[in-house]
Amino acid sequence: FTQLELGLPIDPYEFGNILLIGFVISGFGLVAIGVLTLVITKLSKRK
C-alpha cells in the first residue's frame, strides 16, 4: 500500500528518501546487469 491509499499525510522529505533509495537500487541493478553482460561476452569470446 502507498501512503496515498492509506490516507496518511505524506512527508516530502520521507518521499524524497524513498525515491532516492529506489534510484540507487535501480542504478546498482543496471550496473550489475552491465557487469554481467561484459563478463558473459568476454567468456563467450574466449571460447
N, C-alpha and C. Protein backbone atom coordinates (compact mmCIF):
# COMPACT_ATOMS: atom_id res chain seq x y z
N PHE A 1 0.84 -1.19 0.00
CA PHE A 1 0.00 0.00 0.00
C PHE A 1 0.88 1.25 0.00
N THR A 2 0.44 2.25 -0.77
CA THR A 2 1.14 3.53 -0.73
C THR A 2 0.51 4.40 0.34
N GLN A 3 1.22 5.47 0.71
CA GLN A 3 0.68 6.35 1.75
C GLN A 3 -0.59 7.03 1.26
N LEU A 4 -0.71 7.28 -0.04
CA LEU A 4 -1.94 7.89 -0.56
C LEU A 4 -3.12 6.94 -0.36
N GLU A 5 -2.92 5.65 -0.64
CA GLU A 5 -4.01 4.70 -0.49
C GLU A 5 -4.43 4.55 0.97
N LEU A 6 -3.47 4.67 1.87
CA LEU A 6 -3.79 4.54 3.30
C LEU A 6 -4.37 5.84 3.86
N GLY A 7 -4.28 6.92 3.09
CA GLY A 7 -4.82 8.19 3.55
C GLY A 7 -3.95 8.87 4.59
N LEU A 8 -2.67 8.52 4.65
CA LEU A 8 -1.77 9.15 5.62
C LEU A 8 -1.16 10.41 5.02
N PRO A 9 -0.85 11.41 5.85
CA PRO A 9 -0.16 12.60 5.36
C PRO A 9 1.23 12.23 4.88
N ILE A 10 1.60 12.75 3.71
CA ILE A 10 2.89 12.41 3.11
C ILE A 10 3.94 13.44 3.51
N ASP A 11 5.06 12.96 4.04
CA ASP A 11 6.18 13.84 4.37
C ASP A 11 7.08 13.95 3.13
N PRO A 12 7.22 15.11 2.55
CA PRO A 12 8.02 15.25 1.31
C PRO A 12 9.45 14.74 1.50
N TYR A 13 10.03 14.96 2.68
CA TYR A 13 11.40 14.50 2.93
C TYR A 13 11.46 12.97 2.89
N GLU A 14 10.49 12.33 3.52
CA GLU A 14 10.45 10.86 3.51
C GLU A 14 10.21 10.35 2.10
N PHE A 15 9.32 11.01 1.37
CA PHE A 15 9.02 10.61 -0.01
C PHE A 15 10.28 10.74 -0.86
N GLY A 16 11.05 11.82 -0.65
CA GLY A 16 12.30 12.01 -1.38
C GLY A 16 13.30 10.91 -1.07
N ASN A 17 13.37 10.52 0.20
CA ASN A 17 14.28 9.42 0.57
C ASN A 17 13.87 8.13 -0.11
N ILE A 18 12.57 7.86 -0.18
CA ILE A 18 12.09 6.64 -0.84
C ILE A 18 12.48 6.67 -2.32
N LEU A 19 12.29 7.83 -2.97
CA LEU A 19 12.67 7.94 -4.38
C LEU A 19 14.17 7.75 -4.55
N LEU A 20 14.95 8.38 -3.66
CA LEU A 20 16.41 8.28 -3.75
C LEU A 20 16.85 6.83 -3.59
N ILE A 21 16.28 6.13 -2.62
CA ILE A 21 16.62 4.71 -2.41
C ILE A 21 16.26 3.91 -3.66
N GLY A 22 15.09 4.21 -4.23
CA GLY A 22 14.68 3.49 -5.43
C GLY A 22 15.65 3.73 -6.58
N PHE A 23 16.07 4.99 -6.76
CA PHE A 23 17.02 5.28 -7.84
C PHE A 23 18.35 4.57 -7.59
N VAL A 24 18.81 4.56 -6.34
CA VAL A 24 20.08 3.90 -6.03
C VAL A 24 20.00 2.40 -6.32
N ILE A 25 18.88 1.78 -5.90
CA ILE A 25 18.72 0.34 -6.12
C ILE A 25 18.67 0.04 -7.61
N SER A 26 17.92 0.84 -8.37
CA SER A 26 17.83 0.62 -9.81
C SER A 26 19.18 0.86 -10.47
N GLY A 27 19.93 1.86 -9.95
CA GLY A 27 21.25 2.13 -10.50
C GLY A 27 22.18 0.94 -10.28
N PHE A 28 22.17 0.38 -9.06
CA PHE A 28 23.01 -0.79 -8.79
C PHE A 28 22.57 -1.96 -9.67
N GLY A 29 21.27 -2.08 -9.90
CA GLY A 29 20.78 -3.16 -10.76
C GLY A 29 21.30 -3.01 -12.18
N LEU A 30 21.27 -1.77 -12.70
CA LEU A 30 21.78 -1.54 -14.05
C LEU A 30 23.26 -1.84 -14.12
N VAL A 31 24.02 -1.43 -13.11
CA VAL A 31 25.46 -1.70 -13.09
C VAL A 31 25.71 -3.20 -13.05
N ALA A 32 24.96 -3.91 -12.22
CA ALA A 32 25.13 -5.37 -12.13
C ALA A 32 24.84 -6.03 -13.47
N ILE A 33 23.76 -5.59 -14.14
CA ILE A 33 23.42 -6.15 -15.45
C ILE A 33 24.55 -5.88 -16.45
N GLY A 34 25.08 -4.64 -16.41
CA GLY A 34 26.18 -4.30 -17.32
C GLY A 34 27.40 -5.15 -17.07
N VAL A 35 27.75 -5.35 -15.80
CA VAL A 35 28.92 -6.18 -15.47
C VAL A 35 28.69 -7.62 -15.92
N LEU A 36 27.49 -8.13 -15.68
CA LEU A 36 27.20 -9.50 -16.10
C LEU A 36 27.31 -9.65 -17.61
N THR A 37 26.79 -8.67 -18.36
CA THR A 37 26.86 -8.77 -19.82
C THR A 37 28.31 -8.71 -20.28
N LEU A 38 29.13 -7.86 -19.65
CA LEU A 38 30.55 -7.79 -20.02
C LEU A 38 31.24 -9.12 -19.74
N VAL A 39 30.97 -9.71 -18.58
CA VAL A 39 31.59 -11.00 -18.23
C VAL A 39 31.17 -12.07 -19.22
N ILE A 40 29.87 -12.10 -19.54
CA ILE A 40 29.36 -13.13 -20.46
C ILE A 40 30.01 -12.96 -21.84
N THR A 41 30.11 -11.72 -22.31
CA THR A 41 30.69 -11.51 -23.65
C THR A 41 32.17 -11.90 -23.65
N LYS A 42 32.89 -11.57 -22.57
CA LYS A 42 34.32 -11.94 -22.50
C LYS A 42 34.48 -13.45 -22.47
N LEU A 43 33.62 -14.14 -21.69
CA LEU A 43 33.71 -15.59 -21.61
C LEU A 43 33.37 -16.22 -22.97
N SER A 44 32.38 -15.67 -23.65
CA SER A 44 32.00 -16.25 -24.94
C SER A 44 33.08 -15.99 -25.99
N LYS A 45 33.80 -14.86 -25.89
CA LYS A 45 34.88 -14.57 -26.84
C LYS A 45 36.07 -15.51 -26.60
N ARG A 46 36.31 -15.90 -25.34
CA ARG A 46 37.42 -16.81 -25.04
C ARG A 46 37.19 -18.17 -25.67
N LYS A 47 35.91 -18.58 -25.71
CA LYS A 47 35.60 -19.88 -26.32
C LYS A 47 35.79 -19.75 -27.83
